[in-house]
Protein backbone atom coordinates (compact mmCIF):
# COMPACT_ATOMS: atom_id res chain seq x y z
CA MET A 1 -10.20 14.66 -41.77
CA PHE A 2 -12.57 16.21 -39.41
CA GLU A 3 -13.83 19.65 -39.93
CA ALA A 4 -13.04 21.43 -36.42
CA ASP A 5 -9.52 19.69 -36.74
CA LYS A 6 -8.84 21.59 -40.08
CA TYR A 7 -9.55 24.90 -38.50
CA LEU A 8 -8.01 24.28 -35.12
CA ASP A 9 -4.67 23.74 -37.18
CA LYS A 10 -4.70 27.13 -39.17
CA VAL A 11 -6.40 29.81 -36.72
CA LYS A 12 -5.25 31.87 -33.74
CA LYS A 13 -8.37 33.86 -32.60
CA ILE A 14 -11.38 31.57 -31.03
CA HIS A 15 -14.48 32.84 -29.68
CA PHE A 16 -16.35 31.08 -26.75
CA ILE A 17 -20.05 31.40 -26.36
CA GLY A 18 -20.62 30.21 -22.77
CA ILE A 19 -16.77 30.38 -21.89
CA GLY A 20 -17.73 29.52 -18.39
CA GLY A 21 -19.25 26.21 -18.67
CA SER A 22 -17.81 23.33 -17.19
CA GLY A 23 -17.07 21.66 -20.67
CA MET A 24 -16.09 24.94 -22.04
CA CYS A 25 -13.51 26.48 -19.44
CA PRO A 26 -11.03 23.58 -19.68
CA LEU A 27 -10.59 23.87 -23.16
CA ALA A 28 -10.24 27.62 -23.01
CA GLU A 29 -7.50 26.96 -20.33
CA ILE A 30 -5.52 24.19 -22.63
CA LEU A 31 -5.81 26.49 -25.82
CA HIS A 32 -4.69 29.58 -24.03
CA SER A 33 -1.66 27.85 -22.76
CA LYS A 34 -0.89 26.74 -26.50
CA GLY A 35 -0.81 30.39 -27.64
CA TYR A 36 -4.51 30.72 -28.97
CA ILE A 37 -5.92 34.30 -28.55
CA LEU A 38 -9.09 33.82 -27.00
CA THR A 39 -12.34 35.88 -26.06
CA GLY A 40 -15.59 34.67 -24.78
CA SER A 41 -19.12 35.61 -23.59
CA ASP A 42 -21.63 34.46 -20.73
CA ASN A 43 -24.54 35.01 -19.01
CA ASN A 44 -23.49 34.38 -15.21
CA GLU A 45 -20.73 35.76 -13.22
CA THR A 46 -18.86 32.56 -11.56
CA ASP A 47 -15.39 31.92 -9.97
CA THR A 48 -14.87 30.17 -13.26
CA LEU A 49 -15.06 33.38 -15.03
CA LYS A 50 -12.73 35.20 -12.72
CA ARG A 51 -10.10 32.35 -13.31
CA ILE A 52 -10.56 32.65 -17.29
CA ARG A 53 -10.11 36.73 -17.01
CA ALA A 54 -7.04 36.10 -14.50
CA LEU A 55 -5.65 34.43 -17.80
CA GLY A 56 -5.76 37.60 -19.39
CA ILE A 57 -8.95 36.27 -21.70
CA ASP A 58 -11.57 39.16 -22.55
CA VAL A 59 -15.08 37.81 -21.32
CA LYS A 60 -18.30 39.85 -22.11
CA MET A 61 -21.22 39.40 -19.95
CA GLY A 62 -24.57 38.97 -21.94
CA GLN A 63 -25.09 37.30 -25.13
CA CYS A 64 -25.36 39.42 -28.33
CA ALA A 65 -24.70 39.57 -31.79
CA GLU A 66 -21.95 42.43 -31.34
CA ASN A 67 -19.72 39.90 -29.43
CA ILE A 68 -18.98 37.98 -32.86
CA ASN A 69 -16.15 40.32 -34.15
CA ASP A 70 -12.54 39.75 -35.13
CA THR A 71 -12.54 36.05 -34.64
CA GLU A 72 -11.50 33.07 -36.72
CA MET A 73 -13.40 30.38 -35.12
CA ILE A 74 -16.55 30.20 -32.90
CA VAL A 75 -17.25 27.56 -29.98
CA TYR A 76 -20.67 27.17 -28.60
CA THR A 77 -21.74 25.12 -25.52
CA ALA A 78 -24.64 22.94 -25.95
CA ALA A 79 -26.48 24.60 -23.24
CA ILE A 80 -27.01 27.44 -25.43
CA MET A 81 -30.59 27.76 -26.85
CA ALA A 82 -31.26 27.71 -30.47
CA ASP A 83 -32.73 31.47 -29.95
CA ASN A 84 -29.60 32.74 -28.64
CA PRO A 85 -28.95 36.13 -30.54
CA GLU A 86 -25.13 35.36 -30.37
CA LEU A 87 -25.56 31.83 -31.73
CA ILE A 88 -27.65 33.08 -34.48
CA ALA A 89 -25.13 35.85 -35.31
CA ALA A 90 -22.61 33.09 -35.07
CA LYS A 91 -24.12 30.84 -37.56
CA GLU A 92 -24.96 33.85 -39.86
CA SER A 93 -21.42 35.27 -39.88
CA GLY A 94 -19.93 32.77 -42.42
CA ILE A 95 -16.81 32.12 -39.38
CA PRO A 96 -16.73 28.49 -39.03
CA THR A 97 -18.94 27.52 -35.82
CA PHE A 98 -18.62 24.44 -34.02
CA GLU A 99 -20.40 22.97 -31.02
CA ARG A 100 -18.07 22.40 -28.08
CA SER A 101 -17.51 18.52 -28.38
CA LYS A 102 -16.42 19.13 -31.74
CA LEU A 103 -13.70 21.09 -30.48
CA LEU A 104 -12.88 18.61 -27.75
CA GLY A 105 -12.70 15.87 -30.46
CA ALA A 106 -10.03 17.94 -32.32
CA VAL A 107 -8.09 18.66 -29.14
CA SER A 108 -8.00 14.74 -28.27
CA ARG A 109 -6.38 13.98 -31.62
CA LYS A 110 -3.44 16.46 -30.99
CA PHE A 111 -2.23 13.69 -28.34
CA GLY A 112 -0.92 10.18 -29.16
CA LYS A 113 -2.77 8.49 -26.39
CA CYS A 114 -6.08 9.73 -25.48
CA ILE A 115 -7.96 8.43 -22.17
CA SER A 116 -11.60 9.01 -22.37
CA ILE A 117 -13.78 8.28 -19.20
CA SER A 118 -17.28 7.93 -19.55
CA GLY A 119 -20.13 6.68 -17.24
CA THR A 120 -23.60 8.00 -16.05
CA HIS A 121 -21.94 8.83 -12.48
CA GLY A 122 -18.55 9.42 -11.39
CA LYS A 123 -16.64 10.92 -14.39
CA THR A 124 -15.23 14.23 -12.70
CA THR A 125 -14.09 12.41 -9.64
CA THR A 126 -12.51 9.47 -11.62
CA THR A 127 -10.88 11.84 -14.11
CA SER A 128 -9.51 14.28 -11.62
CA MET A 129 -8.24 11.22 -9.43
CA LEU A 130 -6.74 9.88 -12.32
CA THR A 131 -5.07 13.24 -13.42
CA GLN A 132 -3.63 14.06 -10.10
CA VAL A 133 -2.20 10.36 -9.81
CA LEU A 134 -0.48 10.81 -13.32
CA ILE A 135 0.75 14.46 -12.65
CA ASN A 136 2.29 12.86 -8.95
CA ALA A 137 3.70 9.83 -10.57
CA GLY A 138 5.52 12.18 -13.26
CA ALA A 139 3.50 11.10 -16.32
CA ASP A 140 2.73 14.86 -17.21
CA PRO A 141 -0.48 14.33 -18.80
CA SER A 142 -2.82 17.05 -20.51
CA ALA A 143 -6.61 17.09 -19.06
CA VAL A 144 -10.10 18.43 -19.68
CA ILE A 145 -11.95 17.71 -16.29
CA GLY A 146 -15.59 19.07 -15.53
CA GLY A 147 -14.77 20.07 -12.18
CA LYS A 148 -11.88 22.25 -10.62
CA LEU A 149 -8.79 19.96 -9.71
CA PRO A 150 -7.65 21.55 -6.44
CA MET A 151 -3.97 20.85 -6.62
CA THR A 152 -3.70 22.81 -9.91
CA GLY A 153 -6.66 25.33 -9.28
CA THR A 154 -8.00 24.40 -12.91
CA ASN A 155 -10.07 22.50 -15.04
CA GLY A 156 -7.76 22.30 -17.92
CA ILE A 157 -4.14 20.90 -17.50
CA THR A 158 -1.50 21.14 -20.45
CA GLY A 159 1.23 18.52 -19.96
CA LYS A 160 4.49 17.79 -22.20
CA SER A 161 3.63 13.90 -22.78
CA ASP A 162 1.24 12.64 -25.40
CA LEU A 163 -1.03 11.57 -22.64
CA PHE A 164 -4.73 13.29 -22.62
CA VAL A 165 -7.33 12.39 -20.07
CA CYS A 166 -10.83 13.77 -20.56
CA GLU A 167 -14.53 13.27 -19.49
CA ALA A 168 -16.27 11.70 -22.16
CA CYS A 169 -20.37 12.50 -21.82
CA GLU A 170 -22.94 10.93 -23.41
CA PHE A 171 -25.33 13.60 -23.46
CA SER A 172 -26.53 14.00 -27.31
CA ASN A 173 -23.70 11.45 -28.14
CA THR A 174 -21.14 14.12 -27.52
CA PHE A 175 -18.50 11.34 -26.72
CA LEU A 176 -18.48 10.00 -30.00
CA GLU A 177 -16.41 13.04 -31.29
CA LEU A 178 -13.50 11.95 -29.76
CA SER A 179 -10.97 9.57 -30.85
CA PRO A 180 -9.87 7.45 -27.79
CA ALA A 181 -6.97 4.97 -27.53
CA CYS A 182 -8.61 3.64 -24.05
CA SER A 183 -12.35 3.97 -23.48
CA VAL A 184 -13.31 3.87 -19.45
CA ILE A 185 -17.05 2.94 -18.75
CA LEU A 186 -17.83 3.67 -14.97
CA ASN A 187 -21.56 2.45 -15.11
CA ILE A 188 -24.61 2.92 -17.40
CA ASP A 189 -27.83 4.31 -15.82
CA GLU A 190 -30.86 5.98 -17.04
CA ASP A 191 -30.26 9.76 -17.80
CA HIS A 192 -30.59 12.20 -20.72
CA MET A 193 -33.83 9.80 -21.60
CA ASP A 194 -35.20 13.05 -23.44
CA PHE A 195 -32.54 12.42 -26.11
CA PHE A 196 -32.07 8.71 -25.74
CA LYS A 197 -35.71 7.51 -25.27
CA THR A 198 -34.64 3.84 -24.31
CA MET A 199 -31.78 1.99 -22.31
CA GLU A 200 -31.25 0.15 -25.76
CA ASN A 201 -30.15 3.33 -27.81
CA LEU A 202 -28.19 4.48 -24.50
CA LYS A 203 -26.19 1.21 -24.64
CA LYS A 204 -25.82 1.50 -28.33
CA SER A 205 -24.06 4.82 -27.97
CA PHE A 206 -21.63 3.31 -25.30
CA PHE A 207 -21.02 0.48 -27.49
CA GLU A 208 -20.02 2.84 -30.32
CA PHE A 209 -18.14 4.77 -28.08
CA ALA A 210 -16.10 1.57 -26.68
CA ASP A 211 -15.64 0.21 -30.10
CA MET A 212 -13.57 3.37 -31.07
CA ALA A 213 -10.52 2.37 -28.53
CA GLU A 214 -8.12 -0.18 -28.77
CA THR A 215 -8.76 -0.63 -25.17
CA VAL A 216 -11.75 -0.64 -22.89
CA ILE A 217 -11.65 -0.75 -19.00
CA TYR A 218 -15.06 -1.16 -17.41
CA ASN A 219 -17.12 -1.69 -14.51
CA GLY A 220 -17.42 -5.48 -14.40
CA ASP A 221 -20.29 -5.37 -11.59
CA ASP A 222 -22.29 -3.13 -13.69
CA ALA A 223 -25.14 -5.25 -15.67
CA HIS A 224 -25.73 -2.60 -18.48
CA THR A 225 -21.96 -2.13 -19.04
CA LEU A 226 -21.52 -5.77 -19.44
CA ASP A 227 -24.33 -5.93 -21.92
CA VAL A 228 -22.20 -3.30 -24.03
CA VAL A 229 -18.69 -4.90 -23.32
CA ASN A 230 -19.91 -8.39 -24.21
CA LYS A 231 -20.48 -7.45 -27.70
CA LEU A 232 -16.90 -5.92 -28.47
CA GLU A 233 -14.45 -7.64 -30.66
CA ASN A 234 -10.85 -7.55 -30.90
CA LYS A 235 -10.16 -5.12 -27.84
CA GLN A 236 -8.09 -5.34 -24.88
CA LEU A 237 -10.53 -5.46 -22.08
CA ILE A 238 -9.64 -4.80 -18.30
CA SER A 239 -12.31 -4.89 -15.65
CA PHE A 240 -12.50 -3.56 -12.25
CA GLY A 241 -15.14 -4.17 -9.36
CA LEU A 242 -15.64 -5.78 -6.19
CA ASP A 243 -16.37 -9.16 -7.72
CA LYS A 244 -13.27 -11.32 -7.62
CA THR A 245 -13.80 -12.39 -11.03
CA ASN A 246 -12.86 -8.95 -12.23
CA ASP A 247 -8.86 -8.19 -13.60
CA TRP A 248 -8.84 -5.26 -10.75
CA TYR A 249 -10.82 -5.87 -7.64
CA ALA A 250 -11.35 -4.42 -4.00
CA ASP A 251 -11.45 -6.77 -0.76
CA ASN A 252 -11.35 -6.25 2.74
CA ILE A 253 -13.11 -3.03 2.58
CA SER A 254 -13.43 -0.80 5.90
CA MET A 255 -14.74 2.62 6.60
CA THR A 256 -12.53 5.05 8.51
CA ASN A 257 -15.18 7.81 10.23
CA GLY A 258 -18.06 5.82 8.77
CA ALA A 259 -17.59 6.96 5.43
CA PHE A 260 -14.12 7.04 4.16
CA PRO A 261 -13.18 3.70 2.39
CA GLU A 262 -10.08 1.97 2.79
CA TYR A 263 -9.32 -1.57 0.87
CA ASP A 264 -6.71 -4.26 -0.46
CA VAL A 265 -6.33 -3.68 -4.11
CA TYR A 266 -5.94 -6.87 -6.07
CA TYR A 267 -5.02 -7.62 -9.50
CA LYS A 268 -5.77 -10.82 -10.98
CA GLY A 269 -5.70 -12.33 -7.59
CA GLU A 270 -2.43 -10.65 -6.43
CA MET A 271 -2.44 -8.24 -3.77
CA GLN A 272 -1.00 -4.70 -5.09
CA GLY A 273 -1.27 -2.62 -1.95
CA ARG A 274 -4.05 -1.25 0.42
CA ALA A 275 -5.92 1.98 -0.82
CA VAL A 276 -6.70 4.44 1.88
CA LEU A 277 -9.03 7.28 0.34
CA SER A 278 -9.58 10.81 1.65
CA VAL A 279 -13.26 11.03 -0.55
CA PRO A 280 -16.12 9.65 1.31
CA GLY A 281 -18.77 7.18 -0.01
CA ASP A 282 -18.89 3.44 -1.21
CA HIS A 283 -19.14 4.78 -4.92
CA ASN A 284 -15.56 5.95 -4.74
CA VAL A 285 -14.25 2.50 -4.11
CA TYR A 286 -15.41 1.96 -7.94
CA ASN A 287 -13.90 5.35 -8.90
CA SER A 288 -10.67 4.76 -7.47
CA LEU A 289 -10.34 1.13 -8.60
CA ALA A 290 -11.00 2.76 -12.30
CA ALA A 291 -8.28 5.34 -11.70
CA VAL A 292 -5.67 2.75 -10.64
CA ALA A 293 -6.45 0.30 -13.68
CA THR A 294 -5.99 3.46 -15.99
CA ALA A 295 -3.03 4.83 -14.36
CA VAL A 296 -1.31 1.20 -14.76
CA TYR A 297 -2.63 1.25 -18.38
CA ALA A 298 -1.01 4.69 -18.92
CA GLY A 299 2.25 3.29 -17.45
CA VAL A 300 2.45 4.18 -13.63
CA ASP A 301 3.48 1.26 -11.31
CA ALA A 302 0.34 -0.28 -9.46
CA LYS A 303 1.81 0.46 -6.00
CA THR A 304 2.93 4.20 -6.79
CA ALA A 305 -0.69 4.49 -8.13
CA ILE A 306 -2.37 3.09 -5.07
CA GLU A 307 -0.36 5.04 -2.70
CA LEU A 308 -1.05 8.41 -4.40
CA LEU A 309 -4.74 8.00 -3.95
CA GLN A 310 -4.72 9.11 -0.55
CA GLY A 311 -3.51 12.51 -1.55
CA PHE A 312 -6.65 12.89 -3.75
CA THR A 313 -9.25 15.07 -1.54
CA GLY A 314 -11.87 15.47 -4.18
CA ALA A 315 -12.67 17.58 -7.19
CA GLY A 316 -14.05 20.79 -7.21
CA ARG A 317 -17.66 20.76 -6.32
CA ARG A 318 -17.62 17.01 -5.33
CA PHE A 319 -18.42 16.90 -1.67
CA GLU A 320 -16.31 19.89 -1.48
CA LYS A 321 -16.00 21.27 1.83
CA LEU A 322 -16.06 25.14 1.83
CA ALA A 323 -16.40 26.20 5.42
CA LYS A 324 -16.73 25.33 9.11
CA ILE A 325 -18.72 28.23 11.19
CA ASN A 326 -19.95 28.04 14.54
CA GLY A 327 -19.51 24.23 14.33
CA ILE A 328 -21.88 23.82 11.06
CA GLU A 329 -19.99 22.52 8.15
CA ILE A 330 -21.06 23.94 4.87
CA VAL A 331 -20.29 21.44 1.70
CA ASP A 332 -21.24 21.68 -1.91
CA ASP A 333 -21.67 18.97 -4.27
CA TYR A 334 -22.70 18.57 -8.01
CA ALA A 335 -25.05 15.81 -7.58
CA HIS A 336 -27.81 16.12 -9.76
CA HIS A 337 -29.33 12.41 -10.90
CA PRO A 338 -30.93 10.29 -8.45
CA ALA A 339 -28.35 7.70 -8.06
CA GLU A 340 -25.77 10.55 -7.44
CA LEU A 341 -27.92 12.12 -5.00
CA LYS A 342 -28.64 8.60 -3.33
CA VAL A 343 -24.69 7.64 -2.86
CA THR A 344 -23.74 11.49 -1.64
CA LEU A 345 -26.55 11.72 0.75
CA GLU A 346 -26.09 8.13 2.43
CA ALA A 347 -22.32 8.90 2.68
CA ALA A 348 -23.35 12.35 4.45
CA MET A 349 -25.64 10.71 6.93
CA LYS A 350 -22.58 8.09 8.03
CA MET A 351 -20.29 10.95 8.68
CA ASN A 352 -21.41 11.72 12.30
CA TYR A 353 -23.03 15.07 11.84
CA ASN A 354 -26.02 15.90 14.16
CA LYS A 355 -28.27 16.33 11.04
CA VAL A 356 -27.76 16.77 7.43
CA ILE A 357 -29.68 19.68 5.94
CA ALA A 358 -29.79 19.17 1.96
CA ILE A 359 -30.41 22.26 -0.33
CA HIS A 360 -31.42 20.75 -3.78
CA GLN A 361 -31.70 22.44 -7.08
CA PRO A 362 -33.55 20.64 -9.62
CA PHE A 363 -32.02 20.57 -13.02
CA THR A 364 -33.98 20.33 -16.16
CA TYR A 365 -37.53 20.08 -16.68
CA SER A 366 -37.23 16.84 -18.78
CA ARG A 367 -34.93 14.88 -15.75
CA THR A 368 -37.09 16.29 -13.08
CA ALA A 369 -40.39 14.89 -14.59
CA MET A 370 -39.03 11.57 -15.75
CA LEU A 371 -37.38 10.53 -12.63
CA LEU A 372 -39.72 12.43 -10.22
CA ASP A 373 -40.41 9.54 -7.80
CA ASP A 374 -36.71 8.70 -7.68
CA PHE A 375 -35.87 12.03 -6.83
CA ALA A 376 -38.70 11.91 -4.03
CA ASP A 377 -37.15 8.68 -2.55
CA VAL A 378 -33.45 9.93 -2.23
CA LEU A 379 -34.20 13.45 -1.07
CA LYS A 380 -35.90 11.29 2.13
CA ILE A 381 -32.60 10.42 3.06
CA PRO A 382 -31.38 13.49 4.72
CA ASP A 383 -32.99 15.07 8.15
CA LYS A 384 -33.99 17.92 6.25
CA VAL A 385 -34.18 18.96 2.68
CA ILE A 386 -34.96 22.52 1.37
CA MET A 387 -35.35 23.17 -2.60
CA THR A 388 -35.15 25.78 -4.88
CA GLU A 389 -37.02 26.32 -8.51
CA ILE A 390 -36.04 24.02 -11.34
CA MET A 391 -33.13 25.49 -13.22
CA GLY A 392 -34.49 24.62 -16.79
CA SER A 393 -30.99 25.26 -18.49
CA ARG A 394 -31.48 24.50 -22.31
CA GLU A 395 -34.91 23.64 -22.10
CA LYS A 396 -38.42 25.29 -21.62
CA ASN A 397 -40.92 23.98 -19.35
CA THR A 398 -42.91 21.94 -21.94
CA TYR A 399 -43.64 19.32 -19.03
CA ASN A 400 -45.70 21.45 -16.80
CA ILE A 401 -43.39 20.43 -13.91
CA TYR A 402 -42.45 22.62 -10.68
CA THR A 403 -40.54 22.04 -7.69
CA LYS A 404 -43.69 22.05 -5.70
CA ASP A 405 -44.57 18.67 -7.65
CA LEU A 406 -41.44 17.19 -5.98
CA ALA A 407 -41.86 18.74 -2.65
CA ASP A 408 -45.46 17.32 -2.51
CA LYS A 409 -43.78 13.87 -2.44
CA ILE A 410 -41.27 14.45 0.36
CA PRO A 411 -42.63 14.74 3.81
CA GLY A 412 -41.32 17.97 5.84
CA SER A 413 -39.57 19.49 2.85
CA GLU A 414 -39.54 23.03 1.94
CA TRP A 415 -39.19 25.09 -1.22
CA TYR A 416 -38.49 28.71 -1.88
CA PRO A 417 -38.45 30.63 -5.24
CA THR A 418 -35.36 32.75 -4.27
CA PHE A 419 -31.69 31.56 -3.42
CA GLU A 420 -32.00 34.36 -0.36
CA GLU A 421 -34.98 32.75 1.19
CA VAL A 422 -33.36 29.24 0.89
CA SER A 423 -30.18 30.58 2.45
CA LYS A 424 -32.04 32.31 5.32
CA ARG A 425 -34.22 29.17 6.29
CA ALA A 426 -30.88 26.84 6.25
CA GLN A 427 -29.25 29.13 8.71
CA GLU A 428 -32.61 29.04 10.78
CA ILE A 429 -32.50 25.41 11.12
CA ALA A 430 -28.77 24.78 11.40
CA GLU A 431 -27.10 24.23 14.83
CA ASP A 432 -23.69 23.31 16.28
CA GLY A 433 -22.50 19.95 14.69
CA ASP A 434 -24.77 20.14 11.32
CA LEU A 435 -23.77 19.67 7.75
CA ILE A 436 -25.52 22.17 5.28
CA ILE A 437 -24.94 20.39 1.62
CA THR A 438 -25.71 22.14 -1.36
CA LEU A 439 -26.68 19.82 -4.42
CA GLY A 440 -26.76 20.27 -8.18
CA CYS A 441 -25.18 21.00 -11.29
CA GLY A 442 -26.68 24.63 -12.12
CA ASP A 443 -25.50 27.29 -9.73
CA VAL A 444 -26.99 26.10 -6.35
CA TYR A 445 -23.34 26.30 -5.17
CA LYS A 446 -24.03 30.28 -4.95
CA ILE A 447 -26.60 29.33 -1.96
CA ALA A 448 -23.63 27.83 -0.20
CA LYS A 449 -21.51 31.16 -0.41
CA MET A 450 -24.30 33.33 0.63
CA ILE A 451 -24.68 31.03 3.57
CA ILE A 452 -20.85 31.50 4.34
CA GLU A 453 -20.91 35.30 3.84
CA ASP A 454 -24.12 35.57 6.10
CA MET A 455 -22.53 33.42 8.92
CA LYS A 456 -19.37 35.26 8.88
């Protein structure tokens, strides 16, 4: 039996170190709904923490040894540095202490049918889309999502069925802690290479993830994904993509307002319905096809799944429209890898704004250093780019990399050391008919909120 499973079955009090993290808060929401007594700590005040506190969960600001008391199990996020005093105290306390992925694995085994959605890009959008379709189709799933689902206002959802939908992140092989009945692979791209080192290592991990499941739903147009899937044996394989050789494929694609896809959905050559999406970008054709294929696997009628796609307007921090003031639209997006920035910015540039002003916060020194030229290329797409300092998160700057190094490769770009300066500069540039979009997986969304407050 898995170690975390054993304790989860017998404890009632659990402490979360870094409870506000996108991977931590949905687990807290689910366990709270199941009657566990939770406490937590974090270093930054966020909207997520407000939501957690509203549930009655006691959250301490700042991380220190004193936070470890009167609990039976401790969970910490992988973003916590090894020298964090609260984590050190937890490991010295004798109280069972687990990294967050171990707890997610334990939760996944509480359900009869775990659907795990992996991929370098699109996990949160596809997981959110699928979860909303399943809820509205009456399937009553539970879910762990990396962003807020607007229809529920939460990241963690507790249903009464045996269906459990979760994001499966490859970082540090955390997705190998899960026990999926169905593994979904959206795509495989170079990321977290500070950990994987080579593409072969990355594909090996995706193979192990896929091999754990009975059913694998995969992007049949993605070469790296095909390398993985072609090595699998004795699996139910279901492919999706644009190529007509896939089980599920899109045809007759058109764009509303330049960026919102509509397309005919086919399954094994037979038309199933026309999908109309309320989220922008070509990439969402793939995300929505994956959601339909997986919903049908979970027992939803294909026609129903396709019709329900239109009601999905996006996940939190995924091209999330926050406000429109003086004719200026303010949007926030989680994109933090060059491929994600590319599809998001290309979609934005097709949406009839006078100009697109992108505010980007580079995330982690390793990713910025390793993909510096790729970041520079995609950040040339918008009309204007303004950047913050790099958010190091779990890393120390052993790479000697700075935002200035990126800015030097992007003509006309600017960067500022403080959020206040970035906010002020964006407001100076923006005019009626423009889009300001904040981009990054750190706390760059705070700049969007700052701009909204100032402009009001």
